[in-house]
Amino acid sequence: MPRAAVTITGEAHVRWYQSSEKVRRGFCGTCGSTLFWDPVFQDWTAIAMGAFDTPTQTKLKQHIFVADKGDYYDITDGLPQNAQ
C-alpha cells in the first residue's frame, strides 16, 4: 500500500523493530503478531493480510520468495511467481 494510504487504528499498540538499514517491521505490542514490513527508503508499506478479522475484498497480485517456500506448498492460482 502507498504509505500515505495507510491508517492505523490503535497505533499506540504498534511496536517497530529496525531489522536492517533498509527495513523496519511493525508488530502488535500486546501479542507480538506481525503487522507490517516497511522499507525505509520506499513510499509503501507491506501489510500482513492475516492481521485482518473481516473480509477485505483484497486480491493477490503476485507471489514473492517462492524459491524459499516449503516443498509442501503448491501455488496453482496462475499468478506471477518471483523467486526472490
PDB file of N, CA and C in Angstrom:
ATOM      1  N   MET A   1       0.846  -1.174   0.000  1.00  0.00           N
ATOM      2  CA  MET A   1       0.000   0.000   0.000  1.00  0.00           C
ATOM      3  C   MET A   1       0.892   1.237   0.000  1.00  0.00           C
ATOM      4  N   PRO A   2       0.473   2.279  -0.700  1.00  0.00           N
ATOM      5  CA  PRO A   2       1.190   3.542  -0.552  1.00  0.00           C
ATOM      6  C   PRO A   2       1.128   3.969   0.919  1.00  0.00           C
ATOM      7  N   ARG A   3       2.251   4.364   1.468  1.00  0.00           N
ATOM      8  CA  ARG A   3       2.311   4.696   2.897  1.00  0.00           C
ATOM      9  C   ARG A   3       1.264   5.738   3.276  1.00  0.00           C
ATOM     10  N   ALA A   4       1.014   6.721   2.407  1.00  0.00           N
ATOM     11  CA  ALA A   4       0.044   7.785   2.702  1.00  0.00           C
ATOM     12  C   ALA A   4      -1.388   7.240   2.793  1.00  0.00           C
ATOM     13  N   ALA A   5      -1.634   6.055   2.237  1.00  0.00           N
ATOM     14  CA  ALA A   5      -2.984   5.480   2.255  1.00  0.00           C
ATOM     15  C   ALA A   5      -3.233   4.599   3.478  1.00  0.00           C
ATOM     16  N   VAL A   6      -2.220   4.394   4.301  1.00  0.00           N
ATOM     17  CA  VAL A   6      -2.344   3.509   5.458  1.00  0.00           C
ATOM     18  C   VAL A   6      -2.759   4.312   6.689  1.00  0.00           C
ATOM     19  N   THR A   7      -3.847   3.876   7.320  1.00  0.00           N
ATOM     20  CA  THR A   7      -4.291   4.451   8.588  1.00  0.00           C
ATOM     21  C   THR A   7      -4.262   3.340   9.624  1.00  0.00           C
ATOM     22  N   ILE A   8      -3.628   3.602  10.742  1.00  0.00           N
ATOM     23  CA  ILE A   8      -3.513   2.593  11.795  1.00  0.00           C
ATOM     24  C   ILE A   8      -4.393   2.995  12.967  1.00  0.00           C
ATOM     25  N   THR A   9      -5.394   2.171  13.250  1.00  0.00           N
ATOM     26  CA  THR A   9      -6.228   2.379  14.427  1.00  0.00           C
ATOM     27  C   THR A   9      -5.577   1.634  15.585  1.00  0.00           C
ATOM     28  N   GLY A  10      -5.373   2.301  16.701  1.00  0.00           N
ATOM     29  CA  GLY A  10      -4.692   1.680  17.833  1.00  0.00           C
ATOM     30  C   GLY A  10      -3.183   1.740  17.693  1.00  0.00           C
ATOM     31  N   GLU A  11      -2.706   2.789  17.044  1.00  0.00           N
ATOM     32  CA  GLU A  11      -1.273   2.929  16.766  1.00  0.00           C
ATOM     33  C   GLU A  11      -0.405   2.882  18.025  1.00  0.00           C
ATOM     34  N   ALA A  12      -0.973   3.231  19.165  1.00  0.00           N
ATOM     35  CA  ALA A  12      -0.214   3.188  20.420  1.00  0.00           C
ATOM     36  C   ALA A  12       0.224   1.764  20.771  1.00  0.00           C
ATOM     37  N   HIS A  13      -0.434   0.760  20.193  1.00  0.00           N
ATOM     38  CA  HIS A  13      -0.119  -0.640  20.479  1.00  0.00           C
ATOM     39  C   HIS A  13       0.875  -1.239  19.491  1.00  0.00           C
ATOM     40  N   VAL A  14       1.228  -0.481  18.452  1.00  0.00           N
ATOM     41  CA  VAL A  14       2.175  -0.967  17.453  1.00  0.00           C
ATOM     42  C   VAL A  14       3.596  -0.700  17.938  1.00  0.00           C
ATOM     43  N   ARG A  15       4.457  -1.707  17.795  1.00  0.00           N
ATOM     44  CA  ARG A  15       5.872  -1.565  18.107  1.00  0.00           C
ATOM     45  C   ARG A  15       6.657  -1.759  16.816  1.00  0.00           C
ATOM     46  N   TRP A  16       7.727  -1.009  16.666  1.00  0.00           N
ATOM     47  CA  TRP A  16       8.550  -1.092  15.460  1.00  0.00           C
ATOM     48  C   TRP A  16       9.916  -1.654  15.809  1.00  0.00           C
ATOM     49  N   TYR A  17      10.432  -2.479  14.928  1.00  0.00           N
ATOM     50  CA  TYR A  17      11.764  -3.055  15.079  1.00  0.00           C
ATOM     51  C   TYR A  17      12.540  -2.788  13.802  1.00  0.00           C
ATOM     52  N   GLN A  18      13.673  -2.127  13.907  1.00  0.00           N
ATOM     53  CA  GLN A  18      14.526  -1.837  12.750  1.00  0.00           C
ATOM     54  C   GLN A  18      15.358  -3.083  12.488  1.00  0.00           C
ATOM     55  N   SER A  19      14.906  -3.932  11.555  1.00  0.00           N
ATOM     56  CA  SER A  19      15.566  -5.216  11.333  1.00  0.00           C
ATOM     57  C   SER A  19      16.789  -5.129  10.428  1.00  0.00           C
ATOM     58  N   SER A  20      16.936  -4.015   9.705  1.00  0.00           N
ATOM     59  CA  SER A  20      18.120  -3.771   8.886  1.00  0.00           C
ATOM     60  C   SER A  20      18.168  -2.277   8.571  1.00  0.00           C
ATOM     61  N   GLU A  21      19.193  -1.859   7.837  1.00  0.00           N
ATOM     62  CA  GLU A  21      19.271  -0.453   7.432  1.00  0.00           C
ATOM     63  C   GLU A  21      18.099  -0.063   6.537  1.00  0.00           C
ATOM     64  N   LYS A  22      17.559  -1.030   5.821  1.00  0.00           N
ATOM     65  CA  LYS A  22      16.551  -0.751   4.800  1.00  0.00           C
ATOM     66  C   LYS A  22      15.115  -1.034   5.222  1.00  0.00           C
ATOM     67  N   VAL A  23      14.920  -1.806   6.271  1.00  0.00           N
ATOM     68  CA  VAL A  23      13.571  -2.267   6.612  1.00  0.00           C
ATOM     69  C   VAL A  23      13.309  -2.165   8.110  1.00  0.00           C
ATOM     70  N   ARG A  24      12.095  -1.719   8.438  1.00  0.00           N
ATOM     71  CA  ARG A  24      11.615  -1.821   9.813  1.00  0.00           C
ATOM     72  C   ARG A  24      10.357  -2.675   9.777  1.00  0.00           C
ATOM     73  N   ARG A  25      10.082  -3.339  10.871  1.00  0.00           N
ATOM     74  CA  ARG A  25       8.934  -4.239  10.950  1.00  0.00           C
ATOM     75  C   ARG A  25       8.023  -3.785  12.081  1.00  0.00           C
ATOM     76  N   GLY A  26       6.729  -3.759  11.809  1.00  0.00           N
ATOM     77  CA  GLY A  26       5.748  -3.377  12.818  1.00  0.00           C
ATOM     78  C   GLY A  26       5.043  -4.616  13.326  1.00  0.00           C
ATOM     79  N   PHE A  27       4.835  -4.647  14.633  1.00  0.00           N
ATOM     80  CA  PHE A  27       4.147  -5.794  15.225  1.00  0.00           C
ATOM     81  C   PHE A  27       3.293  -5.335  16.398  1.00  0.00           C
ATOM     82  N   CYS A  28       2.352  -6.163  16.799  1.00  0.00           N
ATOM     83  CA  CYS A  28       1.472  -5.858  17.922  1.00  0.00           C
ATOM     84  C   CYS A  28       2.271  -5.926  19.217  1.00  0.00           C
ATOM     85  N   GLY A  29       2.251  -4.844  19.984  1.00  0.00           N
ATOM     86  CA  GLY A  29       2.970  -4.791  21.242  1.00  0.00           C
ATOM     87  C   GLY A  29       2.352  -5.663  22.326  1.00  0.00           C
ATOM     88  N   THR A  30       1.124  -6.135  22.113  1.00  0.00           N
ATOM     89  CA  THR A  30       0.445  -6.983  23.095  1.00  0.00           C
ATOM     90  C   THR A  30       0.701  -8.464  22.834  1.00  0.00           C
ATOM     91  N   CYS A  31       0.452  -8.909  21.595  1.00  0.00           N
ATOM     92  CA  CYS A  31       0.565 -10.346  21.308  1.00  0.00           C
ATOM     93  C   CYS A  31       1.765 -10.710  20.443  1.00  0.00           C
ATOM     94  N   GLY A  32       2.416  -9.712  19.839  1.00  0.00           N
ATOM     95  CA  GLY A  32       3.597  -9.976  19.025  1.00  0.00           C
ATOM     96  C   GLY A  32       3.320 -10.320  17.572  1.00  0.00           C
ATOM     97  N   SER A  33       2.055 -10.285  17.141  1.00  0.00           N
ATOM     98  CA  SER A  33       1.726 -10.615  15.755  1.00  0.00           C
ATOM     99  C   SER A  33       2.394  -9.653  14.784  1.00  0.00           C
ATOM    100  N   THR A  34       2.902 -10.194  13.686  1.00  0.00           N
ATOM    101  CA  THR A  34       3.475  -9.386  12.622  1.00  0.00           C
ATOM    102  C   THR A  34       2.364  -8.604  11.937  1.00  0.00           C
ATOM    103  N   LEU A  35       2.562  -7.316  11.744  1.00  0.00           N
ATOM    104  CA  LEU A  35       1.562  -6.464  11.101  1.00  0.00           C
ATOM    105  C   LEU A  35       2.066  -5.820   9.816  1.00  0.00           C
ATOM    106  N   PHE A  36       3.315  -5.333   9.816  1.00  0.00           N
ATOM    107  CA  PHE A  36       3.831  -4.562   8.684  1.00  0.00           C
ATOM    108  C   PHE A  36       5.275  -4.911   8.371  1.00  0.00           C
ATOM    109  N   TRP A  37       5.644  -4.676   7.144  1.00  0.00           N
ATOM    110  CA  TRP A  37       7.023  -4.718   6.671  1.00  0.00           C
ATOM    111  C   TRP A  37       7.196  -3.411   5.932  1.00  0.00           C
ATOM    112  N   ASP A  38       8.053  -2.548   6.430  1.00  0.00           N
ATOM    113  CA  ASP A  38       8.116  -1.166   5.968  1.00  0.00           C
ATOM    114  C   ASP A  38       9.517  -0.829   5.457  1.00  0.00           C
ATOM    115  N   PRO A  39       9.714  -0.827   4.124  1.00  0.00           N
ATOM    116  CA  PRO A  39      11.014  -0.460   3.577  1.00  0.00           C
ATOM    117  C   PRO A  39      11.247   1.046   3.744  1.00  0.00           C
ATOM    118  N   VAL A  40      12.272   1.398   4.496  1.00  0.00           N
ATOM    119  CA  VAL A  40      12.520   2.776   4.896  1.00  0.00           C
ATOM    120  C   VAL A  40      12.690   3.721   3.708  1.00  0.00           C
ATOM    121  N   PHE A  41      13.353   3.278   2.640  1.00  0.00           N
ATOM    122  CA  PHE A  41      13.652   4.157   1.512  1.00  0.00           C
ATOM    123  C   PHE A  41      12.641   4.046   0.375  1.00  0.00           C
ATOM    124  N   GLN A  42      11.481   3.494   0.653  1.00  0.00           N
ATOM    125  CA  GLN A  42      10.399   3.392  -0.325  1.00  0.00           C
ATOM    126  C   GLN A  42       9.189   4.147   0.206  1.00  0.00           C
ATOM    127  N   ASP A  43       8.188   4.338  -0.638  1.00  0.00           N
ATOM    128  CA  ASP A  43       6.987   5.060  -0.220  1.00  0.00           C
ATOM    129  C   ASP A  43       5.788   4.121  -0.108  1.00  0.00           C
ATOM    130  N   TRP A  44       6.023   2.906   0.381  1.00  0.00           N
ATOM    131  CA  TRP A  44       4.938   1.946   0.557  1.00  0.00           C
ATOM    132  C   TRP A  44       5.207   1.097   1.794  1.00  0.00           C
ATOM    133  N   THR A  45       4.159   0.431   2.255  1.00  0.00           N
ATOM    134  CA  THR A  45       4.237  -0.464   3.406  1.00  0.00           C
ATOM    135  C   THR A  45       3.542  -1.767   3.049  1.00  0.00           C
ATOM    136  N   ALA A  46       4.184  -2.872   3.331  1.00  0.00           N
ATOM    137  CA  ALA A  46       3.563  -4.186   3.133  1.00  0.00           C
ATOM    138  C   ALA A  46       2.774  -4.516   4.402  1.00  0.00           C
ATOM    139  N   ILE A  47       1.540  -4.936   4.228  1.00  0.00           N
ATOM    140  CA  ILE A  47       0.655  -5.218   5.356  1.00  0.00           C
ATOM    141  C   ILE A  47       0.385  -6.717   5.408  1.00  0.00           C
ATOM    142  N   ALA A  48       0.526  -7.309   6.585  1.00  0.00           N
ATOM    143  CA  ALA A  48       0.236  -8.731   6.770  1.00  0.00           C
ATOM    144  C   ALA A  48      -1.275  -8.931   6.686  1.00  0.00           C
ATOM    145  N   MET A  49      -1.729  -9.563   5.633  1.00  0.00           N
ATOM    146  CA  MET A  49      -3.170  -9.716   5.419  1.00  0.00           C
ATOM    147  C   MET A  49      -3.824 -10.576   6.496  1.00  0.00           C
ATOM    148  N   GLY A  50      -3.068 -11.424   7.157  1.00  0.00           N
ATOM    149  CA  GLY A  50      -3.612 -12.239   8.238  1.00  0.00           C
ATOM    150  C   GLY A  50      -3.959 -11.432   9.480  1.00  0.00           C
ATOM    151  N   ALA A  51      -3.618 -10.144   9.482  1.00  0.00           N
ATOM    152  CA  ALA A  51      -3.913  -9.291  10.635  1.00  0.00           C
ATOM    153  C   ALA A  51      -5.362  -8.810  10.654  1.00  0.00           C
ATOM    154  N   PHE A  52      -6.095  -9.011   9.567  1.00  0.00           N
ATOM    155  CA  PHE A  52      -7.470  -8.517   9.477  1.00  0.00           C
ATOM    156  C   PHE A  52      -8.475  -9.580   9.897  1.00  0.00           C
ATOM    157  N   ASP A  53      -9.489  -9.160  10.675  1.00  0.00           N
ATOM    158  CA  ASP A  53     -10.523 -10.080  11.137  1.00  0.00           C
ATOM    159  C   ASP A  53     -11.692 -10.204  10.169  1.00  0.00           C
ATOM    160  N   THR A  54     -11.923  -9.195   9.359  1.00  0.00           N
ATOM    161  CA  THR A  54     -13.109  -9.178   8.500  1.00  0.00           C
ATOM    162  C   THR A  54     -12.720  -9.390   7.040  1.00  0.00           C
ATOM    163  N   PRO A  55     -13.665  -9.738   6.184  1.00  0.00           N
ATOM    164  CA  PRO A  55     -13.349  -9.856   4.757  1.00  0.00           C
ATOM    165  C   PRO A  55     -12.763  -8.537   4.234  1.00  0.00           C
ATOM    166  N   THR A  56     -11.706  -8.636   3.433  1.00  0.00           N
ATOM    167  CA  THR A  56     -11.006  -7.442   2.959  1.00  0.00           C
ATOM    168  C   THR A  56     -11.321  -7.092   1.511  1.00  0.00           C
ATOM    169  N   GLN A  57     -11.883  -8.036   0.765  1.00  0.00           N
ATOM    170  CA  GLN A  57     -12.146  -7.838  -0.667  1.00  0.00           C
ATOM    171  C   GLN A  57     -10.837  -7.636  -1.436  1.00  0.00           C
ATOM    172  N   THR A  58      -9.722  -8.033  -0.846  1.00  0.00           N
ATOM    173  CA  THR A  58      -8.404  -7.870  -1.453  1.00  0.00           C
ATOM    174  C   THR A  58      -8.066  -9.089  -2.295  1.00  0.00           C
ATOM    175  N   LYS A  59      -7.387  -8.857  -3.398  1.00  0.00           N
ATOM    176  CA  LYS A  59      -6.936  -9.934  -4.283  1.00  0.00           C
ATOM    177  C   LYS A  59      -5.419  -9.927  -4.341  1.00  0.00           C
ATOM    178  N   LEU A  60      -4.820 -11.106  -4.411  1.00  0.00           N
ATOM    179  CA  LEU A  60      -3.376 -11.205  -4.551  1.00  0.00           C
ATOM    180  C   LEU A  60      -2.950 -10.735  -5.934  1.00  0.00           C
ATOM    181  N   LYS A  61      -1.751 -10.173  -6.014  1.00  0.00           N
ATOM    182  CA  LYS A  61      -1.191  -9.702  -7.278  1.00  0.00           C
ATOM    183  C   LYS A  61      -0.068 -10.627  -7.752  1.00  0.00           C
ATOM    184  N   GLN A  62       0.718 -11.138  -6.793  1.00  0.00           N
ATOM    185  CA  GLN A  62       1.850 -11.984  -7.134  1.00  0.00           C
ATOM    186  C   GLN A  62       2.331 -12.722  -5.883  1.00  0.00           C
ATOM    187  N   HIS A  63       3.197 -13.688  -6.107  1.00  0.00           N
ATOM    188  CA  HIS A  63       3.836 -14.415  -5.009  1.00  0.00           C
ATOM    189  C   HIS A  63       5.314 -14.051  -5.020  1.00  0.00           C
ATOM    190  N   ILE A  64       5.890 -13.821  -3.841  1.00  0.00           N
ATOM    191  CA  ILE A  64       7.302 -13.497  -3.749  1.00  0.00           C
ATOM    192  C   ILE A  64       8.027 -14.520  -2.891  1.00  0.00           C
ATOM    193  N   PHE A  65       9.318 -14.615  -3.074  1.00  0.00           N
ATOM    194  CA  PHE A  65      10.188 -15.535  -2.334  1.00  0.00           C
ATOM    195  C   PHE A  65       9.774 -16.993  -2.512  1.00  0.00           C
ATOM    196  N   VAL A  66       9.281 -17.340  -3.693  1.00  0.00           N
ATOM    197  CA  VAL A  66       8.830 -18.715  -3.907  1.00  0.00           C
ATOM    198  C   VAL A  66       9.996 -19.696  -3.949  1.00  0.00           C
ATOM    199  N   ALA A  67      11.216 -19.220  -4.201  1.00  0.00           N
ATOM    200  CA  ALA A  67      12.376 -20.114  -4.171  1.00  0.00           C
ATOM    201  C   ALA A  67      12.604 -20.664  -2.764  1.00  0.00           C
ATOM    202  N   ASP A  68      12.085 -19.972  -1.765  1.00  0.00           N
ATOM    203  CA  ASP A  68      12.283 -20.377  -0.374  1.00  0.00           C
ATOM    204  C   ASP A  68      11.059 -21.033   0.250  1.00  0.00           C
ATOM    205  N   LYS A  69      10.010 -21.260  -0.534  1.00  0.00           N
ATOM    206  CA  LYS A  69       8.792 -21.838   0.031  1.00  0.00           C
ATOM    207  C   LYS A  69       9.011 -23.301   0.394  1.00  0.00           C
ATOM    208  N   GLY A  70       8.229 -23.777   1.334  1.00  0.00           N
ATOM    209  CA  GLY A  70       8.297 -25.179   1.706  1.00  0.00           C
ATOM    210  C   GLY A  70       7.848 -26.077   0.567  1.00  0.00           C
ATOM    211  N   ASP A  71       8.398 -27.271   0.488  1.00  0.00           N
ATOM    212  CA  ASP A  71       8.034 -28.177  -0.603  1.00  0.00           C
ATOM    213  C   ASP A  71       6.598 -28.685  -0.493  1.00  0.00           C
ATOM    214  N   TYR A  72       5.947 -28.412   0.608  1.00  0.00           N
ATOM    215  CA  TYR A  72       4.559 -28.829   0.808  1.00  0.00           C
ATOM    216  C   TYR A  72       3.570 -27.806   0.272  1.00  0.00           C
ATOM    217  N   TYR A  73       4.050 -26.644  -0.210  1.00  0.00           N
ATOM    218  CA  TYR A  73       3.173 -25.633  -0.802  1.00  0.00           C
ATOM    219  C   TYR A  73       3.096 -25.814  -2.305  1.00  0.00           C
ATOM    220  N   ASP A  74       1.875 -25.844  -2.827  1.00  0.00           N
ATOM    221  CA  ASP A  74       1.650 -25.823  -4.270  1.00  0.00           C
ATOM    222  C   ASP A  74       0.979 -24.504  -4.598  1.00  0.00           C
ATOM    223  N   ILE A  75       1.588 -23.726  -5.469  1.00  0.00           N
ATOM    224  CA  ILE A  75       0.996 -22.461  -5.895  1.00  0.00           C
ATOM    225  C   ILE A  75       0.401 -22.712  -7.274  1.00  0.00           C
ATOM    226  N   THR A  76      -0.919 -22.752  -7.326  1.00  0.00           N
ATOM    227  CA  THR A  76      -1.594 -23.156  -8.560  1.00  0.00           C
ATOM    228  C   THR A  76      -2.607 -22.132  -9.044  1.00  0.00           C
ATOM    229  N   ASP A  77      -2.512 -20.900  -8.558  1.00  0.00           N
ATOM    230  CA  ASP A  77      -3.522 -19.901  -8.912  1.00  0.00           C
ATOM    231  C   ASP A  77      -3.205 -19.134 -10.189  1.00  0.00           C
ATOM    232  N   GLY A  78      -2.055 -19.397 -10.826  1.00  0.00           N
ATOM    233  CA  GLY A  78      -1.717 -18.750 -12.085  1.00  0.00           C
ATOM    234  C   GLY A  78      -1.127 -17.351 -11.947  1.00  0.00           C
ATOM    235  N   LEU A  79      -0.947 -16.867 -10.721  1.00  0.00           N
ATOM    236  CA  LEU A  79      -0.365 -15.539 -10.521  1.00  0.00           C
ATOM    237  C   LEU A  79       1.147 -15.592 -10.731  1.00  0.00           C
ATOM    238  N   PRO A  80       1.767 -14.463 -11.083  1.00  0.00           N
ATOM    239  CA  PRO A  80       3.217 -14.435 -11.247  1.00  0.00           C
ATOM    240  C   PRO A  80       3.931 -14.890  -9.980  1.00  0.00           C
ATOM    241  N   GLN A  81       5.036 -15.604 -10.178  1.00  0.00           N
ATOM    242  CA  GLN A  81       5.835 -16.096  -9.058  1.00  0.00           C
ATOM    243  C   GLN A  81       7.256 -15.562  -9.195  1.00  0.00           C
ATOM    244  N   ASN A  82       7.703 -14.833  -8.189  1.00  0.00           N
ATOM    245  CA  ASN A  82       9.055 -14.293  -8.182  1.00  0.00           C
ATOM    246  C   ASN A  82       9.916 -15.094  -7.225  1.00  0.00           C
ATOM    247  N   ALA A  83      11.065 -15.543  -7.709  1.00  0.00           N
ATOM    248  CA  ALA A  83      11.961 -16.364  -6.899  1.00  0.00           C
ATOM    249  C   ALA A  83      12.368 -15.626  -5.623  1.00  0.00           C
ATOM    250  N   GLN A  84      12.660 -14.339  -5.716  1.00  0.00           N
ATOM    251  CA  GLN A  84      13.069 -13.530  -4.572  1.00  0.00           C
ATOM    252  C   GLN A  84      12.244 -12.307  -4.569  1.00  0.00           C
TER     253      GLN A  84
END
